[in-house]
Amino acid sequence: MTSKLHDKGLAMRKEVLGAAHVEKTLANVDKYTQPLQEIVNEYVWGAVWARPGLKPRDRSMITISMLTALNRPQELKTHIRAALTNGVTKEEISEILLHANVYCGAPAAVDAFRMMREVFDATA
């Protein structure tokens, strides 16, 4: 059974990440990963991303910065794609990563730029 917040989160997740990406993720859910996906939909996407305080474009830029700092390359690639969908330009993404270099260090930035290039090449 899903809640209104879960449904709102699932809709936001599909809007930001693309329905195909979300459906592919959810198609691989099993009894062990189901609880995580429910929490992700309800809390991450429903309670946080769907809040009115920031636009998805702004949240995408913040998320790119944080994932760079955390050195989470797979999630970073997903959110670089989402940022492009949310209207963040390639030039802005590059600037975000340059800025992150100062605060996160060169190794994190090098990996982030590598992920950026992979996404940009795939969307060219």
PDB file of N, CA and C in Angstrom:
ATOM      1  N   MET A   1       0.837  -1.185   0.000  1.00  0.00           N
ATOM      2  CA  MET A   1       0.000   0.000   0.000  1.00  0.00           C
ATOM      3  C   MET A   1       0.882   1.248   0.000  1.00  0.00           C
ATOM      4  N   THR A   2       0.579   2.189  -0.850  1.00  0.00           N
ATOM      5  CA  THR A   2       1.393   3.392  -0.929  1.00  0.00           C
ATOM      6  C   THR A   2       0.646   4.579  -0.335  1.00  0.00           C
ATOM      7  N   SER A   3       1.415   5.551   0.120  1.00  0.00           N
ATOM      8  CA  SER A   3       0.853   6.767   0.683  1.00  0.00           C
ATOM      9  C   SER A   3       0.819   7.854  -0.386  1.00  0.00           C
ATOM     10  N   LYS A   4       0.141   8.946  -0.069  1.00  0.00           N
ATOM     11  CA  LYS A   4       0.127  10.088  -0.988  1.00  0.00           C
ATOM     12  C   LYS A   4       1.539  10.623  -1.194  1.00  0.00           C
ATOM     13  N   LEU A   5       2.331  10.651  -0.125  1.00  0.00           N
ATOM     14  CA  LEU A   5       3.702  11.138  -0.219  1.00  0.00           C
ATOM     15  C   LEU A   5       4.537  10.218  -1.116  1.00  0.00           C
ATOM     16  N   HIS A   6       4.324   8.922  -1.007  1.00  0.00           N
ATOM     17  CA  HIS A   6       5.018   7.968  -1.876  1.00  0.00           C
ATOM     18  C   HIS A   6       4.652   8.221  -3.336  1.00  0.00           C
ATOM     19  N   ASP A   7       3.367   8.375  -3.611  1.00  0.00           N
ATOM     20  CA  ASP A   7       2.911   8.601  -4.982  1.00  0.00           C
ATOM     21  C   ASP A   7       3.443   9.918  -5.531  1.00  0.00           C
ATOM     22  N   LYS A   8       3.440  10.947  -4.688  1.00  0.00           N
ATOM     23  CA  LYS A   8       3.993  12.252  -5.080  1.00  0.00           C
ATOM     24  C   LYS A   8       5.485  12.113  -5.376  1.00  0.00           C
ATOM     25  N   GLY A   9       6.184  11.367  -4.533  1.00  0.00           N
ATOM     26  CA  GLY A   9       7.608  11.144  -4.726  1.00  0.00           C
ATOM     27  C   GLY A   9       7.908  10.354  -5.986  1.00  0.00           C
ATOM     28  N   LEU A  10       7.119   9.345  -6.254  1.00  0.00           N
ATOM     29  CA  LEU A  10       7.324   8.551  -7.459  1.00  0.00           C
ATOM     30  C   LEU A  10       7.122   9.410  -8.704  1.00  0.00           C
ATOM     31  N   ALA A  11       6.125  10.266  -8.677  1.00  0.00           N
ATOM     32  CA  ALA A  11       5.887  11.172  -9.810  1.00  0.00           C
ATOM     33  C   ALA A  11       7.056  12.146  -9.982  1.00  0.00           C
ATOM     34  N   MET A  12       7.568  12.693  -8.890  1.00  0.00           N
ATOM     35  CA  MET A  12       8.705  13.621  -8.955  1.00  0.00           C
ATOM     36  C   MET A  12       9.946  12.891  -9.445  1.00  0.00           C
ATOM     37  N   ARG A  13      10.166  11.702  -8.954  1.00  0.00           N
ATOM     38  CA  ARG A  13      11.329  10.909  -9.370  1.00  0.00           C
ATOM     39  C   ARG A  13      11.302  10.670 -10.875  1.00  0.00           C
ATOM     40  N   LYS A  14      10.127  10.324 -11.410  1.00  0.00           N
ATOM     41  CA  LYS A  14      10.000  10.092 -12.845  1.00  0.00           C
ATOM     42  C   LYS A  14      10.192  11.389 -13.630  1.00  0.00           C
ATOM     43  N   GLU A  15       9.704  12.489 -13.086  1.00  0.00           N
ATOM     44  CA  GLU A  15       9.871  13.788 -13.756  1.00  0.00           C
ATOM     45  C   GLU A  15      11.338  14.179 -13.845  1.00  0.00           C
ATOM     46  N   VAL A  16      12.070  13.977 -12.765  1.00  0.00           N
ATOM     47  CA  VAL A  16      13.471  14.409 -12.702  1.00  0.00           C
ATOM     48  C   VAL A  16      14.408  13.423 -13.389  1.00  0.00           C
ATOM     49  N   LEU A  17      14.237  12.137 -13.124  1.00  0.00           N
ATOM     50  CA  LEU A  17      15.172  11.131 -13.643  1.00  0.00           C
ATOM     51  C   LEU A  17      14.725  10.509 -14.957  1.00  0.00           C
ATOM     52  N   GLY A  18      13.476  10.704 -15.301  1.00  0.00           N
ATOM     53  CA  GLY A  18      12.917  10.081 -16.495  1.00  0.00           C
ATOM     54  C   GLY A  18      12.192   8.798 -16.134  1.00  0.00           C
ATOM     55  N   ALA A  19      11.015   8.641 -16.692  1.00  0.00           N
ATOM     56  CA  ALA A  19      10.187   7.474 -16.376  1.00  0.00           C
ATOM     57  C   ALA A  19      10.891   6.165 -16.727  1.00  0.00           C
ATOM     58  N   ALA A  20      11.599   6.135 -17.846  1.00  0.00           N
ATOM     59  CA  ALA A  20      12.264   4.896 -18.269  1.00  0.00           C
ATOM     60  C   ALA A  20      13.317   4.465 -17.248  1.00  0.00           C
ATOM     61  N   HIS A  21      14.091   5.431 -16.756  1.00  0.00           N
ATOM     62  CA  HIS A  21      15.126   5.117 -15.756  1.00  0.00           C
ATOM     63  C   HIS A  21      14.486   4.568 -14.483  1.00  0.00           C
ATOM     64  N   VAL A  22      13.442   5.225 -14.019  1.00  0.00           N
ATOM     65  CA  VAL A  22      12.789   4.803 -12.780  1.00  0.00           C
ATOM     66  C   VAL A  22      12.140   3.428 -12.960  1.00  0.00           C
ATOM     67  N   GLU A  23      11.460   3.224 -14.069  1.00  0.00           N
ATOM     68  CA  GLU A  23      10.822   1.930 -14.317  1.00  0.00           C
ATOM     69  C   GLU A  23      11.861   0.811 -14.391  1.00  0.00           C
ATOM     70  N   LYS A  24      13.010   1.079 -14.993  1.00  0.00           N
ATOM     71  CA  LYS A  24      14.080   0.080 -15.056  1.00  0.00           C
ATOM     72  C   LYS A  24      14.581  -0.254 -13.643  1.00  0.00           C
ATOM     73  N   THR A  25      14.753   0.784 -12.833  1.00  0.00           N
ATOM     74  CA  THR A  25      15.183   0.565 -11.446  1.00  0.00           C
ATOM     75  C   THR A  25      14.166  -0.265 -10.691  1.00  0.00           C
ATOM     76  N   LEU A  26      12.906   0.102 -10.800  1.00  0.00           N
ATOM     77  CA  LEU A  26      11.858  -0.589 -10.055  1.00  0.00           C
ATOM     78  C   LEU A  26      11.611  -2.005 -10.562  1.00  0.00           C
ATOM     79  N   ALA A  27      11.933  -2.265 -11.814  1.00  0.00           N
ATOM     80  CA  ALA A  27      11.772  -3.609 -12.364  1.00  0.00           C
ATOM     81  C   ALA A  27      12.739  -4.598 -11.720  1.00  0.00           C
ATOM     82  N   ASN A  28      13.819  -4.097 -11.161  1.00  0.00           N
ATOM     83  CA  ASN A  28      14.820  -4.949 -10.526  1.00  0.00           C
ATOM     84  C   ASN A  28      14.648  -5.082  -9.022  1.00  0.00           C
ATOM     85  N   VAL A  29      13.549  -4.580  -8.493  1.00  0.00           N
ATOM     86  CA  VAL A  29      13.300  -4.629  -7.053  1.00  0.00           C
ATOM     87  C   VAL A  29      12.917  -6.048  -6.655  1.00  0.00           C
ATOM     88  N   ASP A  30      13.448  -6.468  -5.512  1.00  0.00           N
ATOM     89  CA  ASP A  30      13.059  -7.760  -4.954  1.00  0.00           C
ATOM     90  C   ASP A  30      12.641  -7.558  -3.498  1.00  0.00           C
ATOM     91  N   LYS A  31      12.382  -8.629  -2.790  1.00  0.00           N
ATOM     92  CA  LYS A  31      11.891  -8.501  -1.415  1.00  0.00           C
ATOM     93  C   LYS A  31      12.904  -7.815  -0.492  1.00  0.00           C
ATOM     94  N   TYR A  32      14.171  -7.833  -0.868  1.00  0.00           N
ATOM     95  CA  TYR A  32      15.193  -7.211  -0.041  1.00  0.00           C
ATOM     96  C   TYR A  32      15.331  -5.713  -0.325  1.00  0.00           C
ATOM     97  N   THR A  33      15.171  -5.341  -1.582  1.00  0.00           N
ATOM     98  CA  THR A  33      15.358  -3.936  -1.966  1.00  0.00           C
ATOM     99  C   THR A  33      14.061  -3.141  -1.994  1.00  0.00           C
ATOM    100  N   GLN A  34      12.922  -3.812  -1.910  1.00  0.00           N
ATOM    101  CA  GLN A  34      11.627  -3.126  -1.920  1.00  0.00           C
ATOM    102  C   GLN A  34      11.512  -2.072  -0.814  1.00  0.00           C
ATOM    103  N   PRO A  35      11.875  -2.385   0.435  1.00  0.00           N
ATOM    104  CA  PRO A  35      11.753  -1.369   1.478  1.00  0.00           C
ATOM    105  C   PRO A  35      12.591  -0.118   1.192  1.00  0.00           C
ATOM    106  N   LEU A  36      13.791  -0.296   0.636  1.00  0.00           N
ATOM    107  CA  LEU A  36      14.627   0.853   0.293  1.00  0.00           C
ATOM    108  C   LEU A  36      13.960   1.709  -0.769  1.00  0.00           C
ATOM    109  N   GLN A  37      13.432   1.083  -1.807  1.00  0.00           N
ATOM    110  CA  GLN A  37      12.785   1.844  -2.875  1.00  0.00           C
ATOM    111  C   GLN A  37      11.565   2.592  -2.368  1.00  0.00           C
ATOM    112  N   GLU A  38      10.836   2.019  -1.444  1.00  0.00           N
ATOM    113  CA  GLU A  38       9.688   2.707  -0.848  1.00  0.00           C
ATOM    114  C   GLU A  38      10.141   3.937  -0.078  1.00  0.00           C
ATOM    115  N   ILE A  39      11.215   3.800   0.691  1.00  0.00           N
ATOM    116  CA  ILE A  39      11.752   4.931   1.445  1.00  0.00           C
ATOM    117  C   ILE A  39      12.273   6.008   0.499  1.00  0.00           C
ATOM    118  N   VAL A  40      12.985   5.594  -0.542  1.00  0.00           N
ATOM    119  CA  VAL A  40      13.508   6.551  -1.521  1.00  0.00           C
ATOM    120  C   VAL A  40      12.366   7.338  -2.158  1.00  0.00           C
ATOM    121  N   ASN A  41      11.326   6.645  -2.584  1.00  0.00           N
ATOM    122  CA  ASN A  41      10.195   7.347  -3.208  1.00  0.00           C
ATOM    123  C   ASN A  41       9.506   8.291  -2.233  1.00  0.00           C
ATOM    124  N   GLU A  42       9.232   7.804  -1.040  1.00  0.00           N
ATOM    125  CA  GLU A  42       8.473   8.608  -0.086  1.00  0.00           C
ATOM    126  C   GLU A  42       9.301   9.745   0.503  1.00  0.00           C
ATOM    127  N   TYR A  43      10.494   9.442   0.970  1.00  0.00           N
ATOM    128  CA  TYR A  43      11.272  10.441   1.689  1.00  0.00           C
ATOM    129  C   TYR A  43      12.113  11.320   0.759  1.00  0.00           C
ATOM    130  N   VAL A  44      12.986  10.687  -0.015  1.00  0.00           N
ATOM    131  CA  VAL A  44      13.898  11.453  -0.874  1.00  0.00           C
ATOM    132  C   VAL A  44      13.118  12.274  -1.894  1.00  0.00           C
ATOM    133  N   TRP A  45      12.230  11.604  -2.627  1.00  0.00           N
ATOM    134  CA  TRP A  45      11.531  12.283  -3.722  1.00  0.00           C
ATOM    135  C   TRP A  45      10.240  12.951  -3.294  1.00  0.00           C
ATOM    136  N   GLY A  46       9.509  12.364  -2.350  1.00  0.00           N
ATOM    137  CA  GLY A  46       8.236  12.939  -1.921  1.00  0.00           C
ATOM    138  C   GLY A  46       8.383  14.026  -0.869  1.00  0.00           C
ATOM    139  N   ALA A  47       9.152  13.741   0.177  1.00  0.00           N
ATOM    140  CA  ALA A  47       9.283  14.690   1.286  1.00  0.00           C
ATOM    141  C   ALA A  47      10.317  15.781   1.017  1.00  0.00           C
ATOM    142  N   VAL A  48      11.330  15.488   0.204  1.00  0.00           N
ATOM    143  CA  VAL A  48      12.400  16.471  -0.003  1.00  0.00           C
ATOM    144  C   VAL A  48      12.340  17.099  -1.392  1.00  0.00           C
ATOM    145  N   TRP A  49      12.507  16.305  -2.450  1.00  0.00           N
ATOM    146  CA  TRP A  49      12.548  16.874  -3.802  1.00  0.00           C
ATOM    147  C   TRP A  49      11.252  17.586  -4.181  1.00  0.00           C
ATOM    148  N   ALA A  50      10.126  17.135  -3.677  1.00  0.00           N
ATOM    149  CA  ALA A  50       8.837  17.734  -4.043  1.00  0.00           C
ATOM    150  C   ALA A  50       8.480  18.954  -3.188  1.00  0.00           C
ATOM    151  N   ARG A  51       9.332  19.315  -2.261  1.00  0.00           N
ATOM    152  CA  ARG A  51       9.057  20.506  -1.436  1.00  0.00           C
ATOM    153  C   ARG A  51       9.067  21.752  -2.324  1.00  0.00           C
ATOM    154  N   PRO A  52       8.315  22.767  -1.934  1.00  0.00           N
ATOM    155  CA  PRO A  52       8.221  23.969  -2.763  1.00  0.00           C
ATOM    156  C   PRO A  52       9.389  24.946  -2.612  1.00  0.00           C
ATOM    157  N   GLY A  53      10.287  24.766  -1.667  1.00  0.00           N
ATOM    158  CA  GLY A  53      11.325  25.758  -1.373  1.00  0.00           C
ATOM    159  C   GLY A  53      12.367  25.982  -2.448  1.00  0.00           C
ATOM    160  N   LEU A  54      12.660  24.967  -3.243  1.00  0.00           N
ATOM    161  CA  LEU A  54      13.643  25.069  -4.320  1.00  0.00           C
ATOM    162  C   LEU A  54      13.077  24.418  -5.567  1.00  0.00           C
ATOM    163  N   LYS A  55      13.468  24.941  -6.704  1.00  0.00           N
ATOM    164  CA  LYS A  55      13.078  24.343  -7.978  1.00  0.00           C
ATOM    165  C   LYS A  55      13.936  23.098  -8.227  1.00  0.00           C
ATOM    166  N   PRO A  56      13.420  22.129  -8.992  1.00  0.00           N
ATOM    167  CA  PRO A  56      14.220  20.942  -9.321  1.00  0.00           C
ATOM    168  C   PRO A  56      15.580  21.299  -9.936  1.00  0.00           C
ATOM    169  N   ARG A  57      15.644  22.351 -10.734  1.00  0.00           N
ATOM    170  CA  ARG A  57      16.914  22.784 -11.331  1.00  0.00           C
ATOM    171  C   ARG A  57      17.943  23.096 -10.240  1.00  0.00           C
ATOM    172  N   ASP A  58      17.513  23.831  -9.215  1.00  0.00           N
ATOM    173  CA  ASP A  58      18.412  24.182  -8.114  1.00  0.00           C
ATOM    174  C   ASP A  58      18.808  22.945  -7.313  1.00  0.00           C
ATOM    175  N   ARG A  59      17.835  22.088  -7.066  1.00  0.00           N
ATOM    176  CA  ARG A  59      18.134  20.852  -6.327  1.00  0.00           C
ATOM    177  C   ARG A  59      19.132  19.986  -7.108  1.00  0.00           C
ATOM    178  N   SER A  60      19.002  19.970  -8.425  1.00  0.00           N
ATOM    179  CA  SER A  60      19.965  19.209  -9.237  1.00  0.00           C
ATOM    180  C   SER A  60      21.376  19.743  -9.077  1.00  0.00           C
ATOM    181  N   MET A  61      21.533  21.051  -9.095  1.00  0.00           N
ATOM    182  CA  MET A  61      22.877  21.637  -8.953  1.00  0.00           C
ATOM    183  C   MET A  61      23.464  21.320  -7.584  1.00  0.00           C
ATOM    184  N   ILE A  62      22.653  21.415  -6.556  1.00  0.00           N
ATOM    185  CA  ILE A  62      23.114  21.091  -5.199  1.00  0.00           C
ATOM    186  C   ILE A  62      23.493  19.616  -5.109  1.00  0.00           C
ATOM    187  N   THR A  63      22.669  18.770  -5.685  1.00  0.00           N
ATOM    188  CA  THR A  63      22.910  17.330  -5.628  1.00  0.00           C
ATOM    189  C   THR A  63      24.201  16.955  -6.340  1.00  0.00           C
ATOM    190  N   ILE A  64      24.468  17.558  -7.488  1.00  0.00           N
ATOM    191  CA  ILE A  64      25.733  17.311  -8.192  1.00  0.00           C
ATOM    192  C   ILE A  64      26.911  17.656  -7.287  1.00  0.00           C
ATOM    193  N   SER A  65      26.822  18.772  -6.615  1.00  0.00           N
ATOM    194  CA  SER A  65      27.910  19.183  -5.715  1.00  0.00           C
ATOM    195  C   SER A  65      28.116  18.175  -4.594  1.00  0.00           C
ATOM    196  N   MET A  66      27.020  17.763  -3.978  1.00  0.00           N
ATOM    197  CA  MET A  66      27.140  16.839  -2.846  1.00  0.00           C
ATOM    198  C   MET A  66      27.623  15.463  -3.274  1.00  0.00           C
ATOM    199  N   LEU A  67      27.148  14.971  -4.405  1.00  0.00           N
ATOM    200  CA  LEU A  67      27.599  13.659  -4.869  1.00  0.00           C
ATOM    201  C   LEU A  67      29.066  13.685  -5.271  1.00  0.00           C
ATOM    202  N   THR A  68      29.532  14.838  -5.757  1.00  0.00           N
ATOM    203  CA  THR A  68      30.961  14.989  -6.032  1.00  0.00           C
ATOM    204  C   THR A  68      31.742  14.917  -4.728  1.00  0.00           C
ATOM    205  N   ALA A  69      31.280  15.629  -3.719  1.00  0.00           N
ATOM    206  CA  ALA A  69      31.963  15.626  -2.416  1.00  0.00           C
ATOM    207  C   ALA A  69      31.980  14.230  -1.798  1.00  0.00           C
ATOM    208  N   LEU A  70      30.900  13.497  -1.983  1.00  0.00           N
ATOM    209  CA  LEU A  70      30.806  12.150  -1.424  1.00  0.00           C
ATOM    210  C   LEU A  70      31.484  11.090  -2.287  1.00  0.00           C
ATOM    211  N   ASN A  71      31.922  11.489  -3.488  1.00  0.00           N
ATOM    212  CA  ASN A  71      32.550  10.573  -4.445  1.00  0.00           C
ATOM    213  C   ASN A  71      31.648   9.366  -4.724  1.00  0.00           C
ATOM    214  N   ARG A  72      30.463   9.675  -5.214  1.00  0.00           N
ATOM    215  CA  ARG A  72      29.469   8.655  -5.570  1.00  0.00           C
ATOM    216  C   ARG A  72      29.230   8.709  -7.081  1.00  0.00           C
ATOM    217  N   PRO A  73      30.145   8.139  -7.878  1.00  0.00           N
ATOM    218  CA  PRO A  73      30.109   8.332  -9.327  1.00  0.00           C
ATOM    219  C   PRO A  73      28.853   7.826 -10.028  1.00  0.00           C
ATOM    220  N   GLN A  74      28.312   6.689  -9.637  1.00  0.00           N
ATOM    221  CA  GLN A  74      27.128   6.185 -10.334  1.00  0.00           C
ATOM    222  C   GLN A  74      25.928   7.092 -10.108  1.00  0.00           C
ATOM    223  N   GLU A  75      25.715   7.505  -8.880  1.00  0.00           N
ATOM    224  CA  GLU A  75      24.620   8.438  -8.583  1.00  0.00           C
ATOM    225  C   GLU A  75      24.879   9.791  -9.240  1.00  0.00           C
ATOM    226  N   LEU A  76      26.138  10.194  -9.294  1.00  0.00           N
ATOM    227  CA  LEU A  76      26.488  11.456  -9.940  1.00  0.00           C
ATOM    228  C   LEU A  76      26.092  11.428 -11.410  1.00  0.00           C
ATOM    229  N   LYS A  77      26.384  10.340 -12.102  1.00  0.00           N
ATOM    230  CA  LYS A  77      25.986  10.232 -13.508  1.00  0.00           C
ATOM    231  C   LYS A  77      24.474  10.358 -13.653  1.00  0.00           C
ATOM    232  N   THR A  78      23.746   9.695 -12.810  1.00  0.00           N
ATOM    233  CA  THR A  78      22.281   9.774 -12.849  1.00  0.00           C
ATOM    234  C   THR A  78      21.820  11.212 -12.661  1.00  0.00           C
ATOM    235  N   HIS A  79      22.439  11.911 -11.729  1.00  0.00           N
ATOM    236  CA  HIS A  79      21.995  13.273 -11.426  1.00  0.00           C
ATOM    237  C   HIS A  79      22.541  14.315 -12.407  1.00  0.00           C
ATOM    238  N   ILE A  80      23.615  14.014 -13.094  1.00  0.00           N
ATOM    239  CA  ILE A  80      24.039  14.901 -14.192  1.00  0.00           C
ATOM    240  C   ILE A  80      23.016  14.812 -15.318  1.00  0.00           C
ATOM    241  N   ARG A  81      22.579  13.590 -15.641  1.00  0.00           N
ATOM    242  CA  ARG A  81      21.515  13.434 -16.649  1.00  0.00           C
ATOM    243  C   ARG A  81      20.252  14.175 -16.212  1.00  0.00           C
ATOM    244  N   ALA A  82      19.898  14.030 -14.946  1.00  0.00           N
ATOM    245  CA  ALA A  82      18.705  14.701 -14.426  1.00  0.00           C
ATOM    246  C   ALA A  82      18.859  16.214 -14.488  1.00  0.00           C
ATOM    247  N   ALA A  83      20.046  16.707 -14.188  1.00  0.00           N
ATOM    248  CA  ALA A  83      20.283  18.155 -14.236  1.00  0.00           C
ATOM    249  C   ALA A  83      20.062  18.691 -15.645  1.00  0.00           C
ATOM    250  N   LEU A  84      20.522  17.965 -16.637  1.00  0.00           N
ATOM    251  CA  LEU A  84      20.290  18.386 -18.023  1.00  0.00           C
ATOM    252  C   LEU A  84      18.792  18.440 -18.314  1.00  0.00           C
ATOM    253  N   THR A  85      18.063  17.435 -17.835  1.00  0.00           N
ATOM    254  CA  THR A  85      16.603  17.415 -17.997  1.00  0.00           C
ATOM    255  C   THR A  85      15.963  18.611 -17.291  1.00  0.00           C
ATOM    256  N   ASN A  86      16.526  19.002 -16.159  1.00  0.00           N
ATOM    257  CA  ASN A  86      15.982  20.104 -15.355  1.00  0.00           C
ATOM    258  C   ASN A  86      16.454  21.474 -15.818  1.00  0.00           C
ATOM    259  N   GLY A  87      17.145  21.539 -16.948  1.00  0.00           N
ATOM    260  CA  GLY A  87      17.514  22.829 -17.510  1.00  0.00           C
ATOM    261  C   GLY A  87      18.878  23.366 -17.121  1.00  0.00           C
ATOM    262  N   VAL A  88      19.680  22.571 -16.425  1.00  0.00           N
ATOM    263  CA  VAL A  88      21.046  22.985 -16.112  1.00  0.00           C
ATOM    264  C   VAL A  88      21.868  22.746 -17.374  1.00  0.00           C
ATOM    265  N   THR A  89      22.631  23.743 -17.785  1.00  0.00           N
ATOM    266  CA  THR A  89      23.406  23.608 -19.017  1.00  0.00           C
ATOM    267  C   THR A  89      24.693  22.807 -18.774  1.00  0.00           C
ATOM    268  N   LYS A  90      25.269  22.325 -19.850  1.00  0.00           N
ATOM    269  CA  LYS A  90      26.552  21.629 -19.752  1.00  0.00           C
ATOM    270  C   LYS A  90      27.620  22.553 -19.180  1.00  0.00           C
ATOM    271  N   GLU A  91      27.582  23.809 -19.583  1.00  0.00           N
ATOM    272  CA  GLU A  91      28.557  24.775 -19.079  1.00  0.00           C
ATOM    273  C   GLU A  91      28.387  24.975 -17.574  1.00  0.00           C
ATOM    274  N   GLU A  92      27.152  25.041 -17.111  1.00  0.00           N
ATOM    275  CA  GLU A  92      26.908  25.202 -15.675  1.00  0.00           C
ATOM    276  C   GLU A  92      27.371  23.970 -14.897  1.00  0.00           C
ATOM    277  N   ILE A  93      27.137  22.793 -15.437  1.00  0.00           N
ATOM    278  CA  ILE A  93      27.594  21.570 -14.769  1.00  0.00           C
ATOM    279  C   ILE A  93      29.108  21.570 -14.657  1.00  0.00           C
ATOM    280  N   SER A  94      29.787  21.952 -15.723  1.00  0.00           N
ATOM    281  CA  SER A  94      31.248  22.046 -15.686  1.00  0.00           C
ATOM    282  C   SER A  94      31.705  23.032 -14.614  1.00  0.00           C
ATOM    283  N   GLU A  95      31.033  24.170 -14.518  1.00  0.00           N
ATOM    284  CA  GLU A  95      31.389  25.166 -13.503  1.00  0.00           C
ATOM    285  C   GLU A  95      31.137  24.658 -12.085  1.00  0.00           C
ATOM    286  N   ILE A  96      30.059  23.921 -11.906  1.00  0.00           N
ATOM    287  CA  ILE A  96      29.772  23.331 -10.597  1.00  0.00           C
ATOM    288  C   ILE A  96      30.918  22.409 -10.200  1.00  0.00           C
ATOM    289  N   LEU A  97      31.387  21.596 -11.133  1.00  0.00           N
ATOM    290  CA  LEU A  97      32.463  20.659 -10.831  1.00  0.00           C
ATOM    291  C   LEU A  97      33.795  21.368 -10.615  1.00  0.00           C
ATOM    292  N   LEU A  98      34.031  22.439 -11.349  1.00  0.00           N
ATOM    293  CA  LEU A  98      35.236  23.238 -11.094  1.00  0.00           C
ATOM    294  C   LEU A  98      35.192  23.841  -9.694  1.00  0.00           C
ATOM    295  N   HIS A  99      34.038  24.329  -9.317  1.00  0.00           N
ATOM    296  CA  HIS A  99      33.864  24.900  -7.980  1.00  0.00           C
ATOM    297  C   HIS A  99      34.054  23.814  -6.914  1.00  0.00           C
ATOM    298  N   ALA A 100      33.505  22.626  -7.169  1.00  0.00           N
ATOM    299  CA  ALA A 100      33.646  21.524  -6.225  1.00  0.00           C
ATOM    300  C   ALA A 100      35.109  21.120  -6.060  1.00  0.00           C
ATOM    301  N   ASN A 101      35.898  21.281  -7.108  1.00  0.00           N
ATOM    302  CA  ASN A 101      37.321  20.962  -7.035  1.00  0.00           C
ATOM    303  C   ASN A 101      37.999  21.694  -5.883  1.00  0.00           C
ATOM    304  N   VAL A 102      37.639  22.946  -5.685  1.00  0.00           N
ATOM    305  CA  VAL A 102      38.258  23.759  -4.625  1.00  0.00           C
ATOM    306  C   VAL A 102      37.925  23.201  -3.246  1.00  0.00           C
ATOM    307  N   TYR A 103      36.702  22.761  -3.053  1.00  0.00           N
ATOM    308  CA  TYR A 103      36.248  22.346  -1.734  1.00  0.00           C
ATOM    309  C   TYR A 103      36.331  20.837  -1.495  1.00  0.00           C
ATOM    310  N   CYS A 104      36.315  20.052  -2.566  1.00  0.00           N
ATOM    311  CA  CYS A 104      36.306  18.590  -2.424  1.00  0.00           C
ATOM    312  C   CYS A 104      37.644  17.951  -2.765  1.00  0.00           C
ATOM    313  N   GLY A 105      38.487  18.684  -3.477  1.00  0.00           N
ATOM    314  CA  GLY A 105      39.779  18.161  -3.866  1.00  0.00           C
ATOM    315  C   GLY A 105      39.809  17.657  -5.297  1.00  0.00           C
ATOM    316  N   ALA A 106      41.014  17.641  -5.834  1.00  0.00           N
ATOM    317  CA  ALA A 106      41.207  17.257  -7.232  1.00  0.00           C
ATOM    318  C   ALA A 106      40.779  15.821  -7.526  1.00  0.00           C
ATOM    319  N   PRO A 107      41.076  14.829  -6.675  1.00  0.00           N
ATOM    320  CA  PRO A 107      40.653  13.473  -7.017  1.00  0.00           C
ATOM    321  C   PRO A 107      39.138  13.344  -7.195  1.00  0.00           C
ATOM    322  N   ALA A 108      38.378  13.980  -6.332  1.00  0.00           N
ATOM    323  CA  ALA A 108      36.917  13.942  -6.464  1.00  0.00           C
ATOM    324  C   ALA A 108      36.483  14.651  -7.744  1.00  0.00           C
ATOM    325  N   ALA A 109      37.103  15.778  -8.042  1.00  0.00           N
ATOM    326  CA  ALA A 109      36.742  16.525  -9.249  1.00  0.00           C
ATOM    327  C   ALA A 109      37.117  15.761 -10.513  1.00  0.00           C
ATOM    328  N   VAL A 110      38.262  15.111 -10.513  1.00  0.00           N
ATOM    329  CA  VAL A 110      38.685  14.328 -11.679  1.00  0.00           C
ATOM    330  C   VAL A 110      37.653  13.227 -11.961  1.00  0.00           C
ATOM    331  N   ASP A 111      37.241  12.511 -10.919  1.00  0.00           N
ATOM    332  CA  ASP A 111      36.219  11.484 -11.107  1.00  0.00           C
ATOM    333  C   ASP A 111      34.899  12.092 -11.571  1.00  0.00           C
ATOM    334  N   ALA A 112      34.527  13.226 -11.002  1.00  0.00           N
ATOM    335  CA  ALA A 112      33.276  13.879 -11.377  1.00  0.00           C
ATOM    336  C   ALA A 112      33.314  14.316 -12.839  1.00  0.00           C
ATOM    337  N   PHE A 113      34.428  14.879 -13.266  1.00  0.00           N
ATOM    338  CA  PHE A 113      34.548  15.280 -14.675  1.00  0.00           C
ATOM    339  C   PHE A 113      34.488  14.061 -15.595  1.00  0.00           C
ATOM    340  N   ARG A 114      35.042  12.956 -15.155  1.00  0.00           N
ATOM    341  CA  ARG A 114      34.982  11.725 -15.944  1.00  0.00           C
ATOM    342  C   ARG A 114      33.517  11.297 -16.114  1.00  0.00           C
ATOM    343  N   MET A 115      32.755  11.359 -15.036  1.00  0.00           N
ATOM    344  CA  MET A 115      31.335  10.998 -15.109  1.00  0.00           C
ATOM    345  C   MET A 115      30.566  11.987 -15.990  1.00  0.00           C
ATOM    346  N   MET A 116      30.905  13.253 -15.875  1.00  0.00           N
ATOM    347  CA  MET A 116      30.278  14.291 -16.701  1.00  0.00           C
ATOM    348  C   MET A 116      30.511  13.991 -18.171  1.00  0.00           C
ATOM    349  N   ARG A 117      31.743  13.683 -18.533  1.00  0.00           N
ATOM    350  CA  ARG A 117      32.091  13.396 -19.915  1.00  0.00           C
ATOM    351  C   ARG A 117      31.299  12.198 -20.425  1.00  0.00           C
ATOM    352  N   GLU A 118      31.175  11.157 -19.621  1.00  0.00           N
ATOM    353  CA  GLU A 118      30.402   9.972 -20.032  1.00  0.00           C
ATOM    354  C   GLU A 118      28.954  10.342 -20.325  1.00  0.00           C
ATOM    355  N   VAL A 119      28.369  11.149 -19.477  1.00  0.00           N
ATOM    356  CA  VAL A 119      26.974  11.561 -19.682  1.00  0.00           C
ATOM    357  C   VAL A 119      26.868  12.446 -20.918  1.00  0.00           C
ATOM    358  N   PHE A 120      27.754  13.430 -21.034  1.00  0.00           N
ATOM    359  CA  PHE A 120      27.702  14.328 -22.179  1.00  0.00           C
ATOM    360  C   PHE A 120      27.889  13.566 -23.487  1.00  0.00           C
ATOM    361  N   ASP A 121      28.817  12.619 -23.515  1.00  0.00           N
ATOM    362  CA  ASP A 121      29.046  11.824 -24.719  1.00  0.00           C
ATOM    363  C   ASP A 121      27.811  10.994 -25.079  1.00  0.00           C
ATOM    364  N   ALA A 122      27.133  10.488 -24.058  1.00  0.00           N
ATOM    365  CA  ALA A 122      25.944   9.668 -24.300  1.00  0.00           C
ATOM    366  C   ALA A 122      24.748  10.490 -24.742  1.00  0.00           C
ATOM    367  N   THR A 123      24.745  11.779 -24.423  1.00  0.00           N
ATOM    368  CA  THR A 123      23.602  12.638 -24.778  1.00  0.00           C
ATOM    369  C   THR A 123      23.889  13.498 -25.994  1.00  0.00           C
ATOM    370  N   ALA A 124      25.064  13.341 -26.586  1.00  0.00           N
ATOM    371  CA  ALA A 124      25.428  14.168 -27.739  1.00  0.00           C
ATOM    372  C   ALA A 124      24.687  13.768 -28.996  1.00  0.00           C
TER     373      ALA A 124
END
